[in-house]
Each structure stands twice: as structure tokens, then as C-alpha cells.
Amino acid sequence: MEAKDVSGAMYTVAFLLTPEFSLVNVAAAIDMLRVANSLLEQPRFKWVIVSDTLISVASSSTVPLSADCKLSELGDFDLLLVCGSFKPHKYLKAETQRHLRRLARHGKCLGSMEAGVYHLARSGALDGHTVTAHYANLPVYVKMFPEVRFVHNVFTVSGKRVSCAGGLTSLDLMAHIVARECGEHIARRAANLLQAPWVRESNEVQSGLLALSGARVPQPVHDACRLMERTIAEPLGTAQIAKSLGLSRRQLDRQFVRVFRAPAADVYALIRLSRARKLLRSSTLGLSAVAEACGFEGYPGFARRYKAVFGCSPGRERSGPRGAGGRAFRLMPMFDLHPDQTMHDPEKLL
């Protein structure tokens, strides 16, 4: 990627904040732009904080940011990033949706950080695009927005749509933009100054898809779990998974038992059941549809296995108090662990 002439107009990034947005998303992104400016003879980047209605917007950590303007008052920009919370439906506003649709029709470059993708997807601005969402949201969003292609990448650029998974991936995304606008050497120097020398590329997959209670995971187990997560709807045989990793099924099982105290097939089932739990709590899919989406051939068998693990039937999971007394296990996929979504302390689920 060649360095560009940086003597032209400023590149403006607008951050549209919704209440309870993640502060680290915005701070990391702005700091990358700020440091890049400091390395240039003339500043190249400008940022503006935008709100749909509020003068000040409180983050999920209760730290507020003052808005420079309302979305309806926003002037010209190069990129608008929607910064959402883990409860995006709570702050979805019809007026904001209209503004986003209008900007999309006018060919503006739109993007999202973390759950901000929900707002863009609801507006229809992401239809036909490939986008990234935080892995905690992916299972639900895939079902809610079939017109959008969701991927596990740390960030994506799809035409005039950009997205990142949230957290420090916003720094990765901004480094990509800095490299595109000013050259890779500026992006690398800025990242080094921010103590982030290993900035990730867009084709890298989000890390931390599994919570392993601090266990050191052998690479074959790590790779097998990744493959299991990608084949939830159409499960593979554990022998097939082992073969793809150059192992026998017995060798793979031995490694899984050392990490999880359970063979690979049991871990695979828990991953699928945890995806089902996520769908039951966060979507309106029918019970049989949930079973099918998670690779179970019929509802009765799915219901039995679900109750054995989580202590309640799938129907009760959706409609009432959470069950207790299910089988104890050490594995829990991270996409079912965000406290704002599960209403549980993640540590208590491990």
C-alpha cells in the first residue's frame, strides 16, 4: 500500500455514540488518529463526536463524552462509525434509522464498532455486505439479518461499509485507515507509540472464542474448537475433525480430556448447546428451529440434552427463570458469556 499525498483535505471520522457505548472502542480509535497526526507535517485526520439527541452520552463505564453535534446537524465526513452498546435494541430510534438510511442512499461511507452493527443492519445499510460483529453477538445477528454476511474477522472493509468487532479491534481498523491514507510506515509508527506493535490485519479471526478457565490450550485443541464453532449447524464427526488436524480420534480425545476433562464429542455438544442457549435467550426463533440451527436432528433429543446440561427445558429457558442444577462443566463458549446478555456473572458459569 503506497503512501498518499497528505497535504489535501482532512479525513473526518464521525463517531455516532449510543448510550452505554464501549469507551475503549472510541478511545483506541481516536488515539490512533491523534498519534498519526503527530507524525505528519500537517494533521491529516479529524474526528467529531455525534449523538442522535443528547448533548452528552454516558459510556458503559459511566464516563460521559460530550457530543460536538447531533446526527441531524452533522456536516461532511469521510466515515461515520456507529458505536453501540451490548443492549442495542434498547437505544434504537426511528429517527436515527431514517438518518442512516438517507446517508446510505447518498453513498456515504458508514461503519460500526461492536454492537453498532445492529443499528446499521436494522437500517438496511448493510444488506449485501460482509461485516464483522463481536463474537458474543454473532449467533443472534446471523439469524436476525440474513441479508448480511457476518464473519469472525477482527474488522472488515466491504465497499463503503467498514466494521470492527469492538474493543481494541477499533485500533486495528484505524491503523488500516491510516495506512491507506498516509502509508503503512505512518500506521506502524503510530501503533508502536501506542505499544501495539502487532496490529492485526482484516483477515485475522477474533481471538478468545472460548473461555478455558485459564488453561493452556494445545494448538490442535484450539484449532478443533474453532472448527467446531464454524460447523454448529452441520456438525462434523470427531474422527473427521481429527483427520483434518493430522491426528487420530483417540489422539484428539486425549488432548481434549487433558484440557476439558471431557472427550472432543462432549465438548462439541456443549458448544452447540451453548449456541442454542444464546438463541433461546436473545431471539424469537421457534424451539425446533433453534434445535435445527444448532445441529440437532429433532427437538426431543435436543430438549433432553439441554436439560441435562442447563437444568431446565429449552421452553423454560426462554419463558421464565433460569434452571439450576444442570451438569457442571468447565467449558463455556464466550459467545454465551457477556454479562449484559446472559444476566449472569461469567465466572459463575465456568
Foldseek 3Di string as FASTA:
>chain_A
DDFDDQPDAAAEEEEEEFAQFAPLLVVLLVLLLVLLQVVDPHRRYDYFYEYQDDQWHAHVVRDIDGGPYYLVPDDDHQEYEYGAHPPRVVRADPVVLVSLLVCLVVPHQYEYEACSVVSCLVSVSQFCWEWEHALLCVLPVCVVRVRYHYDQFQKDDTRSYIYGHHRNSSNLVSLVVCCVHGNNVSSQVSCVVVVNNPRDDRPDGDPQQKDQVPDDADPLLVVLVVVLLVQQLPDDDLQVSQVVVVHGQVVQQVRCCVRWVGGPVVVSVQSLLLSLLLCLQPHDDDQQVSCNNRHHPGNVVSQVVNCQAFVHGSVCSNPHDTGDDHDQTRIHGCSNQDCVRNVDHSVVND
